[in-house]
């Protein structure tokens, strides 16, 4: 589906639900909030329903004012014309919300910039998937323009959060000026970018630094220090008064090691249940490895939820990353 087609669909509907994947991040959250504020200006009956609570670092956007959490309040609107799903095209990442929404028989449209999975569910043909976009916020910006909604402070702040988060402060822009051009436009609305940057990438607590000091000493290295693996437990986060989401930036810190080409973080949320995060510096493709354990993502940043034995999981991931290294080392 093209952006103008989706704009027409939205304009023809009235009751619209917005959502994003569970354990939302700044991209999906910022994009859905921006469209929420835009659709309210069009006098649409719009509701945001997310699977679970918003991580602490994003609470400067006051999400609890606008968002219903399905795990706390499973009541859904009786009527919905359209469900817009941001920052994923994998319906599994919205369970159990997705199944509950499907019972209402609305139309589903995914707005996303991740590749469609080779192994896994496929989004409807009506979805808006653009893998050249550096963020879902970029797609939301285009859509709001097509809807001819005037951007205001709330919309601009949400979009800037989305784009800044997913480009990691404009480091990963897919060789396109679009992220910078959009950000420049949004800065016209006095949104205080320094504050947004601080909430997204700063504001580390003393307890978070103590946690990092402990776990970063437990990194395992393989393949002549080109692959790194780190395991942590959700209970360790809780013991430091941290949220599960606060493990998200740990793997990015690991990737600052000069010799590394790829890294994996295994967060054990419960016995034999892991959130796997895979990262690469751009030479080792990790998406297919994530798909092999039921996940997805980008070519060089992907993840999965996995149930099973840790040693078996680690062996599979390390072997998969290792097999990608010989061609890199030989230059073939």
C-alpha atoms as a PDB file:
ATOM      1  CA  UNK A   1       0.000   0.000   0.000  1.00  0.00           C
ATOM      2  CA  UNK A   2       1.211   3.523  -0.781  1.00  0.00           C
ATOM      3  CA  UNK A   3       1.084   6.330   1.770  1.00  0.00           C
ATOM      4  CA  UNK A   4      -1.656   8.184  -0.134  1.00  0.00           C
ATOM      5  CA  UNK A   5      -3.795   5.011  -0.248  1.00  0.00           C
ATOM      6  CA  UNK A   6      -3.469   4.566   3.502  1.00  0.00           C
ATOM      7  CA  UNK A   7      -4.358   8.219   4.057  1.00  0.00           C
ATOM      8  CA  UNK A   8      -7.576   7.696   2.096  1.00  0.00           C
ATOM      9  CA  UNK A   9      -8.383   4.580   4.153  1.00  0.00           C
ATOM     10  CA  UNK A  10      -7.928   6.518   7.373  1.00  0.00           C
ATOM     11  CA  UNK A  11     -10.034   9.435   6.188  1.00  0.00           C
ATOM     12  CA  UNK A  12     -12.870   7.089   5.216  1.00  0.00           C
ATOM     13  CA  UNK A  13     -12.931   5.404   8.646  1.00  0.00           C
ATOM     14  CA  UNK A  14     -13.950   6.671  12.052  1.00  0.00           C
ATOM     15  CA  UNK A  15     -13.053   4.199  14.822  1.00  0.00           C
ATOM     16  CA  UNK A  16      -9.292   3.555  14.684  1.00  0.00           C
ATOM     17  CA  UNK A  17      -7.028   1.641  17.071  1.00  0.00           C
ATOM     18  CA  UNK A  18      -3.268   2.220  17.171  1.00  0.00           C
ATOM     19  CA  UNK A  19      -0.767  -0.193  18.679  1.00  0.00           C
ATOM     20  CA  UNK A  20       2.847  -1.400  18.582  1.00  0.00           C
ATOM     21  CA  UNK A  21       4.839  -4.463  19.606  1.00  0.00           C
ATOM     22  CA  UNK A  22       5.108  -5.551  23.221  1.00  0.00           C
ATOM     23  CA  UNK A  23       7.892  -3.982  25.297  1.00  0.00           C
ATOM     24  CA  UNK A  24       7.590  -0.978  23.025  1.00  0.00           C
ATOM     25  CA  UNK A  25      10.575   1.149  22.094  1.00  0.00           C
ATOM     26  CA  UNK A  26      10.923   4.816  21.224  1.00  0.00           C
ATOM     27  CA  UNK A  27      10.277   4.306  17.521  1.00  0.00           C
ATOM     28  CA  UNK A  28       6.929   2.540  17.735  1.00  0.00           C
ATOM     29  CA  UNK A  29       5.780   4.599  20.712  1.00  0.00           C
ATOM     30  CA  UNK A  30       6.688   7.947  19.178  1.00  0.00           C
ATOM     31  CA  UNK A  31       5.108   7.049  15.833  1.00  0.00           C
ATOM     32  CA  UNK A  32       1.817   5.898  17.344  1.00  0.00           C
ATOM     33  CA  UNK A  33       1.583   8.928  19.619  1.00  0.00           C
ATOM     34  CA  UNK A  34       2.223  11.274  16.700  1.00  0.00           C
ATOM     35  CA  UNK A  35      -0.560   9.700  14.662  1.00  0.00           C
ATOM     36  CA  UNK A  36      -2.842   9.678  17.702  1.00  0.00           C
ATOM     37  CA  UNK A  37      -2.486  13.453  18.064  1.00  0.00           C
ATOM     38  CA  UNK A  38      -2.914  13.911  14.307  1.00  0.00           C
ATOM     39  CA  UNK A  39      -6.098  11.810  14.125  1.00  0.00           C
ATOM     40  CA  UNK A  40      -7.613  13.661  17.064  1.00  0.00           C
ATOM     41  CA  UNK A  41      -7.201  16.846  15.044  1.00  0.00           C
ATOM     42  CA  UNK A  42      -9.241  15.121  12.325  1.00  0.00           C
ATOM     43  CA  UNK A  43     -11.923  14.326  14.952  1.00  0.00           C
ATOM     44  CA  UNK A  44     -11.472  10.573  14.569  1.00  0.00           C
ATOM     45  CA  UNK A  45     -12.466   8.153  17.325  1.00  0.00           C
ATOM     46  CA  UNK A  46      -8.884   7.008  17.971  1.00  0.00           C
ATOM     47  CA  UNK A  47      -7.553   4.800  20.767  1.00  0.00           C
ATOM     48  CA  UNK A  48      -4.056   3.546  21.573  1.00  0.00           C
ATOM     49  CA  UNK A  49      -3.992   0.038  23.027  1.00  0.00           C
ATOM     50  CA  UNK A  50      -0.567  -1.437  23.719  1.00  0.00           C
ATOM     51  CA  UNK A  51       0.211  -4.924  24.950  1.00  0.00           C
ATOM     52  CA  UNK A  52       2.051  -3.866  28.099  1.00  0.00           C
ATOM     53  CA  UNK A  53       3.326  -0.877  30.058  1.00  0.00           C
ATOM     54  CA  UNK A  54       5.588   1.804  28.628  1.00  0.00           C
ATOM     55  CA  UNK A  55       9.231   1.611  29.782  1.00  0.00           C
ATOM     56  CA  UNK A  56      10.338   4.269  32.228  1.00  0.00           C
ATOM     57  CA  UNK A  57      12.666   6.160  29.875  1.00  0.00           C
ATOM     58  CA  UNK A  58       9.728   7.227  27.669  1.00  0.00           C
ATOM     59  CA  UNK A  59       7.498   8.544  30.429  1.00  0.00           C
ATOM     60  CA  UNK A  60       8.499  12.126  29.632  1.00  0.00           C
ATOM     61  CA  UNK A  61       5.929  11.749  26.812  1.00  0.00           C
ATOM     62  CA  UNK A  62       3.233  11.078  29.448  1.00  0.00           C
ATOM     63  CA  UNK A  63       2.063   7.898  27.681  1.00  0.00           C
ATOM     64  CA  UNK A  64      -0.239   6.868  30.521  1.00  0.00           C
ATOM     65  CA  UNK A  65      -2.468   9.841  29.673  1.00  0.00           C
ATOM     66  CA  UNK A  66      -3.152   8.430  26.236  1.00  0.00           C
ATOM     67  CA  UNK A  67      -2.521   4.676  26.225  1.00  0.00           C
ATOM     68  CA  UNK A  68      -4.604   1.733  27.429  1.00  0.00           C
ATOM     69  CA  UNK A  69      -2.572  -1.339  28.405  1.00  0.00           C
ATOM     70  CA  UNK A  70      -4.144  -4.627  27.398  1.00  0.00           C
ATOM     71  CA  UNK A  71      -2.473  -6.653  30.157  1.00  0.00           C
ATOM     72  CA  UNK A  72      -4.083  -4.320  32.711  1.00  0.00           C
ATOM     73  CA  UNK A  73      -7.368  -3.583  30.945  1.00  0.00           C
ATOM     74  CA  UNK A  74      -8.349  -6.166  28.284  1.00  0.00           C
ATOM     75  CA  UNK A  75     -11.565  -4.378  27.295  1.00  0.00           C
ATOM     76  CA  UNK A  76     -11.596  -3.434  23.613  1.00  0.00           C
ATOM     77  CA  UNK A  77     -13.863  -1.028  21.717  1.00  0.00           C
ATOM     78  CA  UNK A  78     -17.029  -2.687  20.444  1.00  0.00           C
ATOM     79  CA  UNK A  79     -16.448  -1.274  16.983  1.00  0.00           C
ATOM     80  CA  UNK A  80     -13.219  -0.577  15.143  1.00  0.00           C
ATOM     81  CA  UNK A  81     -12.840   0.117  11.443  1.00  0.00           C
ATOM     82  CA  UNK A  82      -9.080  -0.064  11.283  1.00  0.00           C
ATOM     83  CA  UNK A  83      -6.126  -1.196  13.404  1.00  0.00           C
ATOM     84  CA  UNK A  84      -2.767   0.441  12.629  1.00  0.00           C
ATOM     85  CA  UNK A  85       0.235  -1.493  13.944  1.00  0.00           C
ATOM     86  CA  UNK A  86       3.536   0.372  14.218  1.00  0.00           C
ATOM     87  CA  UNK A  87       7.164  -0.784  14.094  1.00  0.00           C
ATOM     88  CA  UNK A  88       6.622  -4.475  13.399  1.00  0.00           C
ATOM     89  CA  UNK A  89       5.089  -6.648  10.699  1.00  0.00           C
ATOM     90  CA  UNK A  90       5.125  -9.768  12.888  1.00  0.00           C
ATOM     91  CA  UNK A  91       1.759 -10.317  14.545  1.00  0.00           C
ATOM     92  CA  UNK A  92       3.342 -12.636  17.134  1.00  0.00           C
ATOM     93  CA  UNK A  93       4.927  -9.613  18.816  1.00  0.00           C
ATOM     94  CA  UNK A  94       1.461  -8.305  19.703  1.00  0.00           C
ATOM     95  CA  UNK A  95       0.075 -11.379  21.404  1.00  0.00           C
ATOM     96  CA  UNK A  96      -2.241 -11.819  23.193  1.00  0.00           C
ATOM     97  CA  UNK A  97      -3.601  -8.446  22.012  1.00  0.00           C
ATOM     98  CA  UNK A  98      -3.529  -9.339  18.311  1.00  0.00           C
ATOM     99  CA  UNK A  99      -5.792 -12.374  18.728  1.00  0.00           C
ATOM    100  CA  UNK A 100      -8.257 -10.343  20.802  1.00  0.00           C
ATOM    101  CA  UNK A 101      -8.343  -7.590  18.170  1.00  0.00           C
ATOM    102  CA  UNK A 102      -8.851 -10.113  15.376  1.00  0.00           C
ATOM    103  CA  UNK A 103     -12.056 -11.329  17.020  1.00  0.00           C
ATOM    104  CA  UNK A 104     -13.520  -7.860  16.338  1.00  0.00           C
ATOM    105  CA  UNK A 105     -12.827  -8.365  12.600  1.00  0.00           C
ATOM    106  CA  UNK A 106     -11.286  -4.963  11.783  1.00  0.00           C
ATOM    107  CA  UNK A 107      -8.915  -4.260   8.884  1.00  0.00           C
ATOM    108  CA  UNK A 108      -5.254  -4.498   9.902  1.00  0.00           C
ATOM    109  CA  UNK A 109      -2.486  -2.339   8.460  1.00  0.00           C
ATOM    110  CA  UNK A 110       1.154  -2.617   9.535  1.00  0.00           C
ATOM    111  CA  UNK A 111       3.330   0.507   9.273  1.00  0.00           C
ATOM    112  CA  UNK A 112       6.889  -0.715   9.462  1.00  0.00           C
ATOM    113  CA  UNK A 113      10.433  -0.506   8.130  1.00  0.00           C
ATOM    114  CA  UNK A 114      11.613  -4.030   8.997  1.00  0.00           C
ATOM    115  CA  UNK A 115      12.024  -6.655   6.235  1.00  0.00           C
ATOM    116  CA  UNK A 116       9.128  -9.077   5.869  1.00  0.00           C
ATOM    117  CA  UNK A 117      10.106 -12.389   7.445  1.00  0.00           C
ATOM    118  CA  UNK A 118      11.187 -15.310   5.286  1.00  0.00           C
ATOM    119  CA  UNK A 119      10.119 -17.665   8.069  1.00  0.00           C
ATOM    120  CA  UNK A 120       7.080 -16.398   9.910  1.00  0.00           C
ATOM    121  CA  UNK A 121       3.719 -14.672   9.499  1.00  0.00           C
ATOM    122  CA  UNK A 122       3.245 -12.259   6.621  1.00  0.00           C
ATOM    123  CA  UNK A 123       1.470  -8.881   6.921  1.00  0.00           C
ATOM    124  CA  UNK A 124      -1.571  -8.164   4.788  1.00  0.00           C
ATOM    125  CA  UNK A 125      -1.011  -6.797   1.281  1.00  0.00           C
ATOM    126  CA  UNK A 126      -2.578  -3.540   2.453  1.00  0.00           C
ATOM    127  CA  UNK A 127       0.299  -2.856   4.848  1.00  0.00           C
ATOM    128  CA  UNK A 128       2.813  -0.040   4.434  1.00  0.00           C
ATOM    129  CA  UNK A 129       6.295  -1.597   4.624  1.00  0.00           C
ATOM    130  CA  UNK A 130       9.277   0.505   3.542  1.00  0.00           C
ATOM    131  CA  UNK A 131      12.673  -0.995   4.368  1.00  0.00           C
ATOM    132  CA  UNK A 132      14.439   2.103   3.014  1.00  0.00           C
ATOM    133  CA  UNK A 133      13.011   4.199   5.854  1.00  0.00           C
ATOM    134  CA  UNK A 134      15.375   4.661   8.802  1.00  0.00           C
ATOM    135  CA  UNK A 135      12.503   4.605  11.315  1.00  0.00           C
ATOM    136  CA  UNK A 136       8.787   4.067  11.617  1.00  0.00           C
ATOM    137  CA  UNK A 137       8.615   7.708  12.644  1.00  0.00           C
ATOM    138  CA  UNK A 138       9.655   8.622   9.111  1.00  0.00           C
ATOM    139  CA  UNK A 139       6.624   6.749   7.757  1.00  0.00           C
ATOM    140  CA  UNK A 140       4.342   8.399  10.310  1.00  0.00           C
ATOM    141  CA  UNK A 141       5.659  11.824   9.266  1.00  0.00           C
ATOM    142  CA  UNK A 142       4.876  11.074   5.602  1.00  0.00           C
ATOM    143  CA  UNK A 143       1.410   9.824   6.513  1.00  0.00           C
ATOM    144  CA  UNK A 144       0.587  12.909   8.575  1.00  0.00           C
ATOM    145  CA  UNK A 145       1.628  15.067   5.635  1.00  0.00           C
ATOM    146  CA  UNK A 146      -0.675  13.105   3.305  1.00  0.00           C
ATOM    147  CA  UNK A 147      -3.506  13.527   5.806  1.00  0.00           C
ATOM    148  CA  UNK A 148      -2.832  17.276   5.574  1.00  0.00           C
ATOM    149  CA  UNK A 149      -2.740  17.633   9.343  1.00  0.00           C
ATOM    150  CA  UNK A 150      -0.759  20.636  10.566  1.00  0.00           C
ATOM    151  CA  UNK A 151       2.115  19.506  12.764  1.00  0.00           C
ATOM    152  CA  UNK A 152       2.065  20.948  16.283  1.00  0.00           C
ATOM    153  CA  UNK A 153       4.236  20.641  19.391  1.00  0.00           C
ATOM    154  CA  UNK A 154       2.860  17.240  20.526  1.00  0.00           C
ATOM    155  CA  UNK A 155       3.131  15.688  17.066  1.00  0.00           C
ATOM    156  CA  UNK A 156       6.616  17.091  16.489  1.00  0.00           C
ATOM    157  CA  UNK A 157       7.906  15.942  19.889  1.00  0.00           C
ATOM    158  CA  UNK A 158       6.583  12.421  19.331  1.00  0.00           C
ATOM    159  CA  UNK A 159       8.015  12.158  15.818  1.00  0.00           C
ATOM    160  CA  UNK A 160      11.383  13.535  16.895  1.00  0.00           C
ATOM    161  CA  UNK A 161      11.518  10.937  19.679  1.00  0.00           C
ATOM    162  CA  UNK A 162      10.745   8.158  17.223  1.00  0.00           C
ATOM    163  CA  UNK A 163      13.329   9.156  14.637  1.00  0.00           C
ATOM    164  CA  UNK A 164      16.064  10.083  17.105  1.00  0.00           C
ATOM    165  CA  UNK A 165      15.683   6.797  18.970  1.00  0.00           C
ATOM    166  CA  UNK A 166      15.719   4.451  16.014  1.00  0.00           C
ATOM    167  CA  UNK A 167      18.556   6.173  14.203  1.00  0.00           C
ATOM    168  CA  UNK A 168      20.518   6.183  17.487  1.00  0.00           C
ATOM    169  CA  UNK A 169      21.106   9.934  17.396  1.00  0.00           C
ATOM    170  CA  UNK A 170      21.234   9.945  13.574  1.00  0.00           C
ATOM    171  CA  UNK A 171      24.039   7.391  13.279  1.00  0.00           C
ATOM    172  CA  UNK A 172      21.964   4.873  11.306  1.00  0.00           C
ATOM    173  CA  UNK A 173      20.110   6.785   8.599  1.00  0.00           C
ATOM    174  CA  UNK A 174      20.178   4.236   5.731  1.00  0.00           C
ATOM    175  CA  UNK A 175      22.375   6.509   3.591  1.00  0.00           C
ATOM    176  CA  UNK A 176      19.497   8.951   3.244  1.00  0.00           C
ATOM    177  CA  UNK A 177      19.126  12.603   4.266  1.00  0.00           C
ATOM    178  CA  UNK A 178      15.461  12.054   5.182  1.00  0.00           C
ATOM    179  CA  UNK A 179      15.958  11.654   8.931  1.00  0.00           C
ATOM    180  CA  UNK A 180      17.926  14.897   9.140  1.00  0.00           C
ATOM    181  CA  UNK A 181      15.487  16.770   6.900  1.00  0.00           C
ATOM    182  CA  UNK A 182      12.482  15.651   8.955  1.00  0.00           C
ATOM    183  CA  UNK A 183      14.254  16.482  12.216  1.00  0.00           C
ATOM    184  CA  UNK A 184      15.069  19.961  10.899  1.00  0.00           C
ATOM    185  CA  UNK A 185      11.391  20.500  10.100  1.00  0.00           C
ATOM    186  CA  UNK A 186      10.297  19.286  13.546  1.00  0.00           C
ATOM    187  CA  UNK A 187      12.716  21.594  15.344  1.00  0.00           C
ATOM    188  CA  UNK A 188      10.586  24.539  14.201  1.00  0.00           C
ATOM    189  CA  UNK A 189       8.144  23.630  16.991  1.00  0.00           C
ATOM    190  CA  UNK A 190      10.421  24.358  19.978  1.00  0.00           C
ATOM    191  CA  UNK A 191      10.521  20.740  21.129  1.00  0.00           C
ATOM    192  CA  UNK A 192      13.796  20.937  23.153  1.00  0.00           C
ATOM    193  CA  UNK A 193      15.911  18.226  21.482  1.00  0.00           C
ATOM    194  CA  UNK A 194      18.450  18.192  24.314  1.00  0.00           C
ATOM    195  CA  UNK A 195      15.729  17.070  26.725  1.00  0.00           C
ATOM    196  CA  UNK A 196      14.629  14.289  24.388  1.00  0.00           C
ATOM    197  CA  UNK A 197      18.220  13.095  23.850  1.00  0.00           C
ATOM    198  CA  UNK A 198      18.786  13.032  27.603  1.00  0.00           C
ATOM    199  CA  UNK A 199      15.702  10.928  28.286  1.00  0.00           C
ATOM    200  CA  UNK A 200      16.497   8.486  25.473  1.00  0.00           C
ATOM    201  CA  UNK A 201      20.236   8.052  25.937  1.00  0.00           C
ATOM    202  CA  UNK A 202      21.183   9.626  29.269  1.00  0.00           C
ATOM    203  CA  UNK A 203      19.681   9.729  32.735  1.00  0.00           C
ATOM    204  CA  UNK A 204      21.529   6.630  33.916  1.00  0.00           C
ATOM    205  CA  UNK A 205      20.957   5.958  37.607  1.00  0.00           C
ATOM    206  CA  UNK A 206      23.545   4.944  40.180  1.00  0.00           C
ATOM    207  CA  UNK A 207      21.891   1.522  40.328  1.00  0.00           C
ATOM    208  CA  UNK A 208      22.088   1.182  36.531  1.00  0.00           C
ATOM    209  CA  UNK A 209      25.819   1.956  36.604  1.00  0.00           C
ATOM    210  CA  UNK A 210      26.319  -0.631  39.353  1.00  0.00           C
ATOM    211  CA  UNK A 211      24.428  -3.162  37.239  1.00  0.00           C
ATOM    212  CA  UNK A 212      26.575  -2.384  34.192  1.00  0.00           C
ATOM    213  CA  UNK A 213      29.769  -2.664  36.223  1.00  0.00           C
ATOM    214  CA  UNK A 214      28.719  -6.168  37.275  1.00  0.00           C
ATOM    215  CA  UNK A 215      27.522  -7.652  34.011  1.00  0.00           C
ATOM    216  CA  UNK A 216      30.012  -6.140  31.560  1.00  0.00           C
ATOM    217  CA  UNK A 217      32.713  -8.134  33.313  1.00  0.00           C
ATOM    218  CA  UNK A 218      30.851 -11.342  32.383  1.00  0.00           C
ATOM    219  CA  UNK A 219      31.124 -10.992  28.577  1.00  0.00           C
ATOM    220  CA  UNK A 220      32.308 -14.131  26.763  1.00  0.00           C
ATOM    221  CA  UNK A 221      34.385 -13.699  23.593  1.00  0.00           C
ATOM    222  CA  UNK A 222      34.691 -16.097  20.675  1.00  0.00           C
ATOM    223  CA  UNK A 223      36.388 -16.223  17.253  1.00  0.00           C
ATOM    224  CA  UNK A 224      39.460 -14.183  18.171  1.00  0.00           C
ATOM    225  CA  UNK A 225      37.343 -11.604  19.993  1.00  0.00           C
ATOM    226  CA  UNK A 226      35.142 -10.949  16.964  1.00  0.00           C
ATOM    227  CA  UNK A 227      31.977 -12.373  18.564  1.00  0.00           C
ATOM    228  CA  UNK A 228      30.722 -11.569  22.063  1.00  0.00           C
ATOM    229  CA  UNK A 229      27.993 -13.155  24.172  1.00  0.00           C
ATOM    230  CA  UNK A 230      26.437 -11.860  27.381  1.00  0.00           C
ATOM    231  CA  UNK A 231      23.776 -13.501  29.524  1.00  0.00           C
ATOM    232  CA  UNK A 232      21.817 -11.625  32.140  1.00  0.00           C
ATOM    233  CA  UNK A 233      18.741 -12.387  34.159  1.00  0.00           C
ATOM    234  CA  UNK A 234      15.632 -10.292  34.512  1.00  0.00           C
ATOM    235  CA  UNK A 235      15.897 -10.923  38.247  1.00  0.00           C
ATOM    236  CA  UNK A 236      19.291  -9.139  38.218  1.00  0.00           C
ATOM    237  CA  UNK A 237      17.640  -6.096  36.698  1.00  0.00           C
ATOM    238  CA  UNK A 238      14.925  -6.179  39.330  1.00  0.00           C
ATOM    239  CA  UNK A 239      17.453  -6.498  42.140  1.00  0.00           C
ATOM    240  CA  UNK A 240      18.982  -3.222  40.918  1.00  0.00           C
ATOM    241  CA  UNK A 241      15.500  -1.645  40.712  1.00  0.00           C
ATOM    242  CA  UNK A 242      15.670  -1.599  36.912  1.00  0.00           C
ATOM    243  CA  UNK A 243      13.094  -2.516  34.267  1.00  0.00           C
ATOM    244  CA  UNK A 244      13.493  -5.192  31.615  1.00  0.00           C
ATOM    245  CA  UNK A 245      13.788  -2.526  28.925  1.00  0.00           C
ATOM    246  CA  UNK A 246      16.967  -1.228  30.555  1.00  0.00           C
ATOM    247  CA  UNK A 247      18.868  -4.195  29.151  1.00  0.00           C
ATOM    248  CA  UNK A 248      18.226  -2.854  25.644  1.00  0.00           C
ATOM    249  CA  UNK A 249      21.258  -0.576  25.501  1.00  0.00           C
ATOM    250  CA  UNK A 250      23.648  -3.136  27.037  1.00  0.00           C
ATOM    251  CA  UNK A 251      24.262  -4.960  23.760  1.00  0.00           C
ATOM    252  CA  UNK A 252      24.962  -1.620  22.073  1.00  0.00           C
ATOM    253  CA  UNK A 253      27.601  -0.913  24.732  1.00  0.00           C
ATOM    254  CA  UNK A 254      29.146  -4.321  24.087  1.00  0.00           C
ATOM    255  CA  UNK A 255      29.378  -3.473  20.388  1.00  0.00           C
ATOM    256  CA  UNK A 256      31.727  -0.570  21.134  1.00  0.00           C
ATOM    257  CA  UNK A 257      34.545  -3.125  21.632  1.00  0.00           C
ATOM    258  CA  UNK A 258      36.873  -2.423  18.721  1.00  0.00           C
ATOM    259  CA  UNK A 259      37.558  -6.013  17.619  1.00  0.00           C
ATOM    260  CA  UNK A 260      33.915  -7.126  17.562  1.00  0.00           C
ATOM    261  CA  UNK A 261      31.931  -7.810  14.415  1.00  0.00           C
ATOM    262  CA  UNK A 262      28.824  -9.207  16.142  1.00  0.00           C
ATOM    263  CA  UNK A 263      27.334  -9.705  19.594  1.00  0.00           C
ATOM    264  CA  UNK A 264      24.437 -11.476  21.253  1.00  0.00           C
ATOM    265  CA  UNK A 265      22.678 -10.634  24.496  1.00  0.00           C
ATOM    266  CA  UNK A 266      20.502 -13.256  26.182  1.00  0.00           C
ATOM    267  CA  UNK A 267      18.108 -11.833  28.770  1.00  0.00           C
ATOM    268  CA  UNK A 268      16.568 -14.644  30.819  1.00  0.00           C
ATOM    269  CA  UNK A 269      13.071 -13.450  31.699  1.00  0.00           C
ATOM    270  CA  UNK A 270      12.076 -16.743  33.339  1.00  0.00           C
ATOM    271  CA  UNK A 271      13.589 -20.238  33.574  1.00  0.00           C
ATOM    272  CA  UNK A 272      14.288 -21.374  29.975  1.00  0.00           C
ATOM    273  CA  UNK A 273      12.713 -18.211  28.515  1.00  0.00           C
ATOM    274  CA  UNK A 274      15.031 -15.719  26.803  1.00  0.00           C
ATOM    275  CA  UNK A 275      14.864 -12.412  24.976  1.00  0.00           C
ATOM    276  CA  UNK A 276      17.671 -12.603  22.405  1.00  0.00           C
ATOM    277  CA  UNK A 277      19.221  -9.422  20.965  1.00  0.00           C
ATOM    278  CA  UNK A 278      21.666  -9.697  18.054  1.00  0.00           C
ATOM    279  CA  UNK A 279      23.852  -6.878  16.730  1.00  0.00           C
ATOM    280  CA  UNK A 280      26.397  -6.510  13.948  1.00  0.00           C
ATOM    281  CA  UNK A 281      28.622  -3.685  12.773  1.00  0.00           C
ATOM    282  CA  UNK A 282      27.341  -4.154   9.235  1.00  0.00           C
ATOM    283  CA  UNK A 283      29.407  -6.994   7.808  1.00  0.00           C
ATOM    284  CA  UNK A 284      27.672  -9.948   9.502  1.00  0.00           C
ATOM    285  CA  UNK A 285      23.971 -10.382   8.660  1.00  0.00           C
ATOM    286  CA  UNK A 286      22.009 -11.428  11.777  1.00  0.00           C
ATOM    287  CA  UNK A 287      18.390 -11.365  10.566  1.00  0.00           C
ATOM    288  CA  UNK A 288      18.375 -14.939   9.233  1.00  0.00           C
ATOM    289  CA  UNK A 289      19.844 -16.178  12.507  1.00  0.00           C
ATOM    290  CA  UNK A 290      17.088 -14.406  14.446  1.00  0.00           C
ATOM    291  CA  UNK A 291      14.470 -15.938  12.149  1.00  0.00           C
ATOM    292  CA  UNK A 292      15.917 -19.408  12.756  1.00  0.00           C
ATOM    293  CA  UNK A 293      14.877 -19.081  16.421  1.00  0.00           C
ATOM    294  CA  UNK A 294      11.490 -17.531  15.725  1.00  0.00           C
ATOM    295  CA  UNK A 295      12.405 -13.843  15.604  1.00  0.00           C
ATOM    296  CA  UNK A 296      13.060 -11.058  13.135  1.00  0.00           C
ATOM    297  CA  UNK A 297      14.249  -7.489  12.788  1.00  0.00           C
ATOM    298  CA  UNK A 298      16.787  -5.762  10.559  1.00  0.00           C
ATOM    299  CA  UNK A 299      19.729  -7.214   8.645  1.00  0.00           C
ATOM    300  CA  UNK A 300      22.236  -6.054  11.244  1.00  0.00           C
ATOM    301  CA  UNK A 301      20.068  -5.669  14.364  1.00  0.00           C
ATOM    302  CA  UNK A 302      17.562  -8.399  15.161  1.00  0.00           C
ATOM    303  CA  UNK A 303      16.070 -10.374  18.020  1.00  0.00           C
ATOM    304  CA  UNK A 304      13.798 -13.164  19.147  1.00  0.00           C
ATOM    305  CA  UNK A 305      11.943 -14.654  22.076  1.00  0.00           C
ATOM    306  CA  UNK A 306      13.158 -18.200  22.702  1.00  0.00           C
ATOM    307  CA  UNK A 307      12.082 -21.008  25.002  1.00  0.00           C
ATOM    308  CA  UNK A 308      14.530 -23.790  25.663  1.00  0.00           C
ATOM    309  CA  UNK A 309      17.949 -24.728  26.982  1.00  0.00           C
ATOM    310  CA  UNK A 310      20.432 -21.868  27.319  1.00  0.00           C
ATOM    311  CA  UNK A 311      23.559 -23.800  26.335  1.00  0.00           C
ATOM    312  CA  UNK A 312      21.838 -25.097  23.217  1.00  0.00           C
ATOM    313  CA  UNK A 313      20.674 -21.578  22.347  1.00  0.00           C
ATOM    314  CA  UNK A 314      24.140 -20.082  22.904  1.00  0.00           C
ATOM    315  CA  UNK A 315      25.793 -22.783  20.829  1.00  0.00           C
ATOM    316  CA  UNK A 316      23.344 -22.212  17.961  1.00  0.00           C
ATOM    317  CA  UNK A 317      23.870 -18.444  18.000  1.00  0.00           C
ATOM    318  CA  UNK A 318      27.656 -18.543  18.340  1.00  0.00           C
ATOM    319  CA  UNK A 319      27.901 -21.135  15.563  1.00  0.00           C
ATOM    320  CA  UNK A 320      25.646 -19.040  13.338  1.00  0.00           C
ATOM    321  CA  UNK A 321      27.657 -15.873  13.903  1.00  0.00           C
ATOM    322  CA  UNK A 322      30.954 -17.730  13.518  1.00  0.00           C
ATOM    323  CA  UNK A 323      29.956 -19.138  10.136  1.00  0.00           C
ATOM    324  CA  UNK A 324      29.474 -15.597   8.870  1.00  0.00           C
ATOM    325  CA  UNK A 325      33.015 -14.561   9.762  1.00  0.00           C
ATOM    326  CA  UNK A 326      35.340 -16.528   7.402  1.00  0.00           C
ATOM    327  CA  UNK A 327      34.325 -14.620   4.237  1.00  0.00           C
ATOM    328  CA  UNK A 328      34.800 -11.393   6.175  1.00  0.00           C
ATOM    329  CA  UNK A 329      38.270 -12.409   7.298  1.00  0.00           C
ATOM    330  CA  UNK A 330      39.432 -13.645   3.911  1.00  0.00           C
ATOM    331  CA  UNK A 331      37.831 -10.802   1.998  1.00  0.00           C
ATOM    332  CA  UNK A 332      36.123 -13.257  -0.344  1.00  0.00           C
END
